[in-house]
N, C-alpha and C. Protein backbone atom coordinates (compact mmCIF):
# COMPACT_ATOMS: atom_id res chain seq x y z
N MET A 1 0.80 -1.17 0.00
CA MET A 1 0.00 0.00 0.00
C MET A 1 0.86 1.25 0.00
N ASN A 2 1.45 1.50 1.09
CA ASN A 2 2.29 2.69 1.21
C ASN A 2 3.71 2.29 0.87
N GLU A 3 4.33 3.05 0.01
CA GLU A 3 5.67 2.70 -0.42
C GLU A 3 6.70 3.09 0.63
N ARG A 4 6.44 4.15 1.36
CA ARG A 4 7.38 4.59 2.38
C ARG A 4 7.05 3.92 3.70
N PRO A 5 8.06 3.59 4.46
CA PRO A 5 7.78 2.98 5.75
C PRO A 5 7.28 4.03 6.74
N ALA A 6 6.60 3.61 7.75
CA ALA A 6 5.99 4.50 8.74
C ALA A 6 7.04 5.29 9.48
N SER A 7 8.19 4.72 9.74
CA SER A 7 9.22 5.44 10.46
C SER A 7 9.74 6.62 9.66
N THR A 8 9.82 6.50 8.35
CA THR A 8 10.27 7.60 7.50
C THR A 8 9.24 8.73 7.52
N ILE A 9 7.98 8.39 7.48
CA ILE A 9 6.91 9.40 7.51
C ILE A 9 6.95 10.12 8.86
N LEU A 10 7.14 9.35 9.95
CA LEU A 10 7.20 9.95 11.27
C LEU A 10 8.41 10.86 11.40
N GLU A 11 9.52 10.45 10.83
CA GLU A 11 10.73 11.28 10.88
C GLU A 11 10.50 12.58 10.11
N GLN A 12 9.83 12.49 8.96
CA GLN A 12 9.55 13.68 8.16
C GLN A 12 8.62 14.64 8.91
N VAL A 13 7.58 14.10 9.53
CA VAL A 13 6.64 14.92 10.30
C VAL A 13 7.37 15.54 11.48
N HIS A 14 8.21 14.76 12.13
CA HIS A 14 8.98 15.27 13.27
C HIS A 14 9.91 16.40 12.82
N ALA A 15 10.55 16.22 11.69
CA ALA A 15 11.45 17.26 11.16
C ALA A 15 10.66 18.52 10.82
N ASP A 16 9.49 18.39 10.20
CA ASP A 16 8.65 19.55 9.87
C ASP A 16 8.20 20.28 11.13
N LEU A 17 7.83 19.51 12.16
CA LEU A 17 7.41 20.12 13.41
C LEU A 17 8.57 20.87 14.07
N LEU A 18 9.75 20.28 14.04
CA LEU A 18 10.92 20.95 14.59
C LEU A 18 11.22 22.25 13.85
N LEU A 19 11.10 22.24 12.53
CA LEU A 19 11.30 23.47 11.74
C LEU A 19 10.28 24.53 12.12
N ASP A 20 9.03 24.13 12.26
CA ASP A 20 7.97 25.08 12.64
C ASP A 20 8.25 25.66 14.03
N ILE A 21 8.69 24.79 14.97
CA ILE A 21 8.99 25.25 16.32
C ILE A 21 10.16 26.23 16.30
N GLN A 22 11.17 25.94 15.49
CA GLN A 22 12.33 26.85 15.38
C GLN A 22 11.91 28.19 14.81
N LYS A 23 11.05 28.18 13.80
CA LYS A 23 10.55 29.44 13.23
C LYS A 23 9.78 30.24 14.29
N LEU A 24 8.94 29.55 15.07
CA LEU A 24 8.17 30.23 16.12
C LEU A 24 9.10 30.80 17.19
N LEU A 25 10.14 30.07 17.52
CA LEU A 25 11.10 30.56 18.51
C LEU A 25 11.83 31.80 18.00
N LEU A 26 12.21 31.78 16.73
CA LEU A 26 12.88 32.96 16.14
C LEU A 26 11.94 34.17 16.15
N GLU A 27 10.68 33.96 15.78
CA GLU A 27 9.71 35.06 15.79
C GLU A 27 9.49 35.57 17.22
N THR A 28 9.44 34.67 18.19
CA THR A 28 9.27 35.06 19.58
C THR A 28 10.45 35.89 20.06
N GLU A 29 11.67 35.47 19.70
CA GLU A 29 12.86 36.23 20.08
C GLU A 29 12.84 37.63 19.45
N THR A 30 12.43 37.71 18.20
CA THR A 30 12.33 39.02 17.53
C THR A 30 11.32 39.90 18.24
N LEU A 31 10.17 39.33 18.60
CA LEU A 31 9.15 40.10 19.31
C LEU A 31 9.64 40.54 20.69
N LYS A 32 10.42 39.65 21.37
CA LYS A 32 10.97 40.01 22.67
C LYS A 32 11.91 41.19 22.55
N LYS A 33 12.69 41.22 21.47
CA LYS A 33 13.62 42.34 21.27
C LYS A 33 12.88 43.63 20.94
N ASP A 34 11.81 43.53 20.17
CA ASP A 34 11.05 44.71 19.75
C ASP A 34 10.09 45.21 20.82
N LEU A 35 9.75 44.35 21.78
CA LEU A 35 8.74 44.69 22.78
C LEU A 35 9.06 45.92 23.61
N PRO A 36 10.27 46.11 24.12
CA PRO A 36 10.53 47.33 24.89
C PRO A 36 10.35 48.61 24.06
N GLN A 37 10.79 48.57 22.81
CA GLN A 37 10.63 49.75 21.96
C GLN A 37 9.16 50.01 21.67
N LEU A 38 8.41 48.94 21.39
CA LEU A 38 6.97 49.09 21.16
C LEU A 38 6.29 49.65 22.41
N TYR A 39 6.70 49.16 23.58
CA TYR A 39 6.14 49.64 24.84
C TYR A 39 6.43 51.13 25.02
N LYS A 40 7.68 51.53 24.73
CA LYS A 40 8.03 52.96 24.82
C LYS A 40 7.20 53.80 23.86
N ASN A 41 7.04 53.31 22.63
CA ASN A 41 6.26 54.06 21.63
C ASN A 41 4.80 54.21 22.07
N VAL A 42 4.21 53.11 22.55
CA VAL A 42 2.81 53.17 22.97
C VAL A 42 2.66 54.07 24.18
N THR A 43 3.59 53.95 25.14
CA THR A 43 3.53 54.80 26.33
C THR A 43 3.67 56.27 25.96
N GLY A 44 4.60 56.57 25.06
CA GLY A 44 4.77 57.96 24.61
C GLY A 44 3.53 58.48 23.91
N ASP A 45 2.92 57.64 23.07
CA ASP A 45 1.69 58.07 22.38
C ASP A 45 0.56 58.33 23.37
N VAL A 46 0.44 57.46 24.38
CA VAL A 46 -0.62 57.65 25.39
C VAL A 46 -0.36 58.92 26.19
N GLU A 47 0.89 59.17 26.57
CA GLU A 47 1.21 60.39 27.32
C GLU A 47 0.94 61.64 26.48
N ASN A 48 1.30 61.58 25.20
CA ASN A 48 1.03 62.73 24.31
C ASN A 48 -0.47 62.97 24.16
N ALA A 49 -1.23 61.88 24.01
CA ALA A 49 -2.68 62.02 23.88
C ALA A 49 -3.29 62.60 25.16
N ALA A 50 -2.77 62.17 26.32
CA ALA A 50 -3.27 62.69 27.58
C ALA A 50 -2.95 64.18 27.72
N LYS A 51 -1.77 64.58 27.30
CA LYS A 51 -1.39 66.00 27.36
C LYS A 51 -2.26 66.84 26.43
N VAL A 52 -2.48 66.32 25.23
CA VAL A 52 -3.34 67.05 24.28
C VAL A 52 -4.75 67.17 24.85
N ALA A 53 -5.26 66.10 25.47
CA ALA A 53 -6.61 66.15 26.05
C ALA A 53 -6.66 67.15 27.20
N GLN A 54 -5.61 67.18 28.05
CA GLN A 54 -5.59 68.15 29.15
C GLN A 54 -5.54 69.57 28.63
N ASP A 55 -4.73 69.82 27.60
CA ASP A 55 -4.66 71.16 27.02
C ASP A 55 -6.00 71.57 26.42
N ALA A 56 -6.64 70.62 25.73
CA ALA A 56 -7.95 70.92 25.15
C ALA A 56 -8.98 71.22 26.23
N PHE A 57 -8.92 70.48 27.34
CA PHE A 57 -9.85 70.71 28.44
C PHE A 57 -9.60 72.09 29.05
N LYS A 58 -8.33 72.46 29.23
CA LYS A 58 -8.02 73.79 29.77
C LYS A 58 -8.53 74.87 28.83
N ASP A 59 -8.34 74.67 27.53
CA ASP A 59 -8.85 75.65 26.56
C ASP A 59 -10.37 75.76 26.63
N MET A 60 -11.04 74.62 26.76
CA MET A 60 -12.51 74.65 26.84
C MET A 60 -12.96 75.34 28.13
N GLU A 61 -12.24 75.10 29.23
CA GLU A 61 -12.58 75.78 30.48
C GLU A 61 -12.44 77.28 30.35
N SER A 62 -11.34 77.73 29.73
CA SER A 62 -11.14 79.17 29.59
C SER A 62 -12.18 79.77 28.64
N MET A 63 -12.53 79.03 27.59
CA MET A 63 -13.57 79.52 26.68
C MET A 63 -14.92 79.60 27.39
N ALA A 64 -15.21 78.62 28.25
CA ALA A 64 -16.48 78.63 28.99
C ALA A 64 -16.52 79.81 29.95
N ARG A 65 -15.39 80.08 30.62
CA ARG A 65 -15.34 81.25 31.52
C ARG A 65 -15.53 82.54 30.73
N ALA A 66 -14.83 82.64 29.59
CA ALA A 66 -14.97 83.85 28.77
C ALA A 66 -16.40 84.02 28.28
N LEU A 67 -17.03 82.92 27.89
CA LEU A 67 -18.41 82.98 27.43
C LEU A 67 -19.35 83.41 28.56
N ALA A 68 -19.12 82.88 29.75
CA ALA A 68 -19.95 83.26 30.90
C ALA A 68 -19.78 84.74 31.22
N ILE A 69 -18.53 85.23 31.19
CA ILE A 69 -18.29 86.66 31.44
C ILE A 69 -18.97 87.50 30.38
N HIS A 70 -18.83 87.10 29.12
CA HIS A 70 -19.44 87.86 28.01
C HIS A 70 -20.96 87.84 28.13
N THR A 71 -21.52 86.68 28.48
CA THR A 71 -22.98 86.58 28.61
C THR A 71 -23.49 87.46 29.74
N ASN A 72 -22.79 87.43 30.88
CA ASN A 72 -23.21 88.28 32.01
C ASN A 72 -23.11 89.75 31.66
N LYS A 73 -22.05 90.14 30.95
CA LYS A 73 -21.87 91.54 30.53
C LYS A 73 -22.98 91.94 29.57
N ALA A 74 -23.28 91.07 28.60
CA ALA A 74 -24.35 91.38 27.65
C ALA A 74 -25.70 91.50 28.36
N LYS A 75 -25.94 90.62 29.33
CA LYS A 75 -27.20 90.68 30.08
C LYS A 75 -27.28 91.98 30.87
N SER A 76 -26.19 92.35 31.51
CA SER A 76 -26.15 93.59 32.29
C SER A 76 -26.37 94.80 31.38
N ASP A 77 -25.67 94.81 30.23
CA ASP A 77 -25.85 95.92 29.28
C ASP A 77 -27.28 96.00 28.78
N PHE A 78 -27.88 94.83 28.50
CA PHE A 78 -29.26 94.80 28.02
C PHE A 78 -30.21 95.35 29.07
N GLU A 79 -30.01 94.96 30.33
CA GLU A 79 -30.89 95.45 31.39
C GLU A 79 -30.74 96.96 31.56
N ILE A 80 -29.51 97.46 31.50
CA ILE A 80 -29.29 98.91 31.63
C ILE A 80 -29.95 99.65 30.48
N GLU A 81 -29.74 99.15 29.25
CA GLU A 81 -30.34 99.82 28.09
C GLU A 81 -31.86 99.70 28.12
N SER A 82 -32.37 98.58 28.59
CA SER A 82 -33.81 98.39 28.69
C SER A 82 -34.42 99.39 29.67
N GLU A 83 -33.77 99.56 30.83
CA GLU A 83 -34.27 100.53 31.81
C GLU A 83 -34.21 101.95 31.24
N ALA A 84 -33.11 102.27 30.55
CA ALA A 84 -32.98 103.61 29.97
C ALA A 84 -34.06 103.84 28.92
N LEU A 85 -34.32 102.82 28.10
CA LEU A 85 -35.34 102.94 27.07
C LEU A 85 -36.73 103.07 27.69
N GLN A 86 -37.00 102.32 28.75
CA GLN A 86 -38.29 102.44 29.43
C GLN A 86 -38.48 103.84 30.02
N ALA A 87 -37.41 104.38 30.59
CA ALA A 87 -37.50 105.74 31.13
C ALA A 87 -37.75 106.74 30.00
N LYS A 88 -37.07 106.56 28.88
CA LYS A 88 -37.25 107.46 27.74
C LYS A 88 -38.68 107.37 27.20
N ILE A 89 -39.20 106.14 27.11
CA ILE A 89 -40.57 105.95 26.62
C ILE A 89 -41.56 106.59 27.59
N SER A 90 -41.32 106.45 28.87
CA SER A 90 -42.20 107.03 29.88
C SER A 90 -42.21 108.55 29.77
N LYS A 91 -41.02 109.14 29.62
CA LYS A 91 -40.95 110.60 29.47
C LYS A 91 -41.66 111.06 28.20
N GLN A 92 -41.46 110.32 27.12
CA GLN A 92 -42.10 110.69 25.85
C GLN A 92 -43.62 110.55 25.97
N ALA A 93 -44.10 109.53 26.68
CA ALA A 93 -45.55 109.36 26.88
C ALA A 93 -46.12 110.53 27.68
N GLU A 94 -45.38 110.95 28.72
CA GLU A 94 -45.84 112.11 29.50
C GLU A 94 -45.88 113.35 28.63
N LEU A 95 -44.85 113.55 27.82
CA LEU A 95 -44.80 114.71 26.94
C LEU A 95 -45.95 114.68 25.94
N ASN A 96 -46.21 113.50 25.38
CA ASN A 96 -47.32 113.38 24.43
C ASN A 96 -48.66 113.68 25.10
N ALA A 97 -48.85 113.19 26.33
CA ALA A 97 -50.09 113.45 27.05
C ALA A 97 -50.26 114.94 27.32
N LYS A 98 -49.16 115.60 27.71
CA LYS A 98 -49.24 117.05 27.96
C LYS A 98 -49.54 117.81 26.67
N THR A 99 -48.93 117.37 25.56
CA THR A 99 -49.17 118.03 24.27
C THR A 99 -50.62 117.87 23.84
N ILE A 100 -51.16 116.66 24.00
CA ILE A 100 -52.55 116.43 23.63
C ILE A 100 -53.48 117.25 24.52
N THR A 101 -53.18 117.27 25.82
CA THR A 101 -53.99 118.06 26.75
C THR A 101 -53.95 119.53 26.38
N ALA A 102 -52.76 120.03 26.06
CA ALA A 102 -52.63 121.44 25.67
C ALA A 102 -53.36 121.72 24.36
N GLY A 103 -53.34 120.75 23.45
CA GLY A 103 -54.02 120.93 22.16
C GLY A 103 -55.52 121.00 22.31
N PHE A 104 -56.06 120.17 23.21
CA PHE A 104 -57.51 120.17 23.41
C PHE A 104 -57.96 121.16 24.47
N SER A 105 -57.07 121.84 25.09
CA SER A 105 -57.40 122.75 26.18
C SER A 105 -58.43 123.81 25.80
N PRO A 106 -58.30 124.48 24.65
CA PRO A 106 -59.32 125.49 24.31
C PRO A 106 -60.71 124.88 24.18
N PHE A 107 -60.76 123.64 23.65
CA PHE A 107 -62.06 123.00 23.48
C PHE A 107 -62.64 122.58 24.81
N THR A 108 -61.83 122.01 25.64
CA THR A 108 -62.34 121.55 26.93
C THR A 108 -62.65 122.71 27.87
N LYS A 109 -61.92 123.81 27.70
CA LYS A 109 -62.16 124.97 28.55
C LYS A 109 -63.55 125.54 28.29
N HIS A 110 -63.95 125.55 27.05
CA HIS A 110 -65.25 126.12 26.67
C HIS A 110 -66.19 125.04 26.15
N LEU A 111 -66.07 123.86 26.72
CA LEU A 111 -66.89 122.75 26.28
C LEU A 111 -68.38 123.01 26.52
N TRP A 112 -68.70 123.67 27.61
CA TRP A 112 -70.11 123.96 27.89
C TRP A 112 -70.69 124.88 26.82
N LEU A 113 -69.82 125.83 26.33
CA LEU A 113 -70.28 126.76 25.29
C LEU A 113 -70.51 126.01 23.98
N LEU A 114 -69.54 125.10 23.66
CA LEU A 114 -69.70 124.31 22.44
C LEU A 114 -70.93 123.42 22.52
N SER A 115 -71.15 122.82 23.67
CA SER A 115 -72.32 121.96 23.84
C SER A 115 -73.62 122.77 23.68
N ALA A 116 -73.63 123.96 24.25
CA ALA A 116 -74.83 124.81 24.14
C ALA A 116 -75.07 125.20 22.70
N LEU A 117 -74.00 125.57 21.97
CA LEU A 117 -74.15 125.94 20.56
C LEU A 117 -74.68 124.78 19.73
N VAL A 118 -74.12 123.58 19.98
CA VAL A 118 -74.59 122.39 19.24
C VAL A 118 -76.04 122.12 19.59
N GLY A 119 -76.38 122.23 20.87
CA GLY A 119 -77.77 122.00 21.29
C GLY A 119 -78.72 123.00 20.64
N CYS A 120 -78.33 124.31 20.62
CA CYS A 120 -79.17 125.34 19.98
C CYS A 120 -79.31 125.06 18.50
N ASN A 121 -78.22 124.67 17.88
CA ASN A 121 -78.23 124.37 16.46
C ASN A 121 -79.19 123.23 16.17
N LEU A 122 -79.19 122.20 17.01
CA LEU A 122 -80.11 121.08 16.83
C LEU A 122 -81.56 121.52 17.04
N LEU A 123 -81.79 122.38 18.05
CA LEU A 123 -83.16 122.85 18.29
C LEU A 123 -83.66 123.69 17.12
N ILE A 124 -82.81 124.54 16.60
CA ILE A 124 -83.21 125.37 15.45
C ILE A 124 -83.52 124.49 14.25
N SER A 125 -82.64 123.47 14.02
CA SER A 125 -82.87 122.56 12.89
C SER A 125 -84.17 121.80 13.08
N LEU A 126 -84.46 121.39 14.30
CA LEU A 126 -85.68 120.67 14.60
C LEU A 126 -86.90 121.57 14.39
N ALA A 127 -86.77 122.84 14.81
CA ALA A 127 -87.88 123.78 14.65
C ALA A 127 -88.16 124.02 13.18
N PHE A 128 -87.09 124.23 12.39
CA PHE A 128 -87.30 124.42 10.94
C PHE A 128 -87.87 123.18 10.30
N GLY A 129 -87.44 122.01 10.76
CA GLY A 129 -87.95 120.76 10.20
C GLY A 129 -89.43 120.59 10.52
N LEU A 130 -89.85 120.91 11.74
CA LEU A 130 -91.26 120.80 12.11
C LEU A 130 -92.09 121.85 11.39
N ALA A 131 -91.54 123.05 11.23
CA ALA A 131 -92.27 124.10 10.52
C ALA A 131 -92.48 123.70 9.07
N TYR A 132 -91.48 123.10 8.48
CA TYR A 132 -91.60 122.68 7.09
C TYR A 132 -92.64 121.58 6.95
N LEU A 133 -92.66 120.63 7.92
CA LEU A 133 -93.59 119.54 7.87
C LEU A 133 -95.04 120.02 8.14
N LEU A 134 -95.20 121.06 8.95
CA LEU A 134 -96.53 121.55 9.27
C LEU A 134 -97.06 122.46 8.18
N LYS A 135 -96.34 122.96 7.35
CA LYS A 135 -96.80 123.86 6.29
C LYS A 135 -97.66 123.21 5.30
């Protein structure tokens, strides 16, 4: 059946396994040599990333403080201007009321006279209307 004896096949398999083990040992030794440098590189990258994150956080904190200061200043300015504008509107409303009162003053002063004239005028018109209808 098999032309090669079993011992030859076992020797060949054993030799292949030994070669594979030697290759794995060489790769392990190479990784052992590279491991400290890789560790240094990774540690340095992590430290740099942490420093960048801390700097970014400090920048965000300072921006948040500046924004809060600016917002409070804007709110204060708005309240001051709002109060000034309300006072100005109030003064202008008083002035307008006084102007309107002064404008209507002659009419209101002699309102009884105007009312009497209008009443007489209506009575005269009514009298002429009745006289016309009775004719």
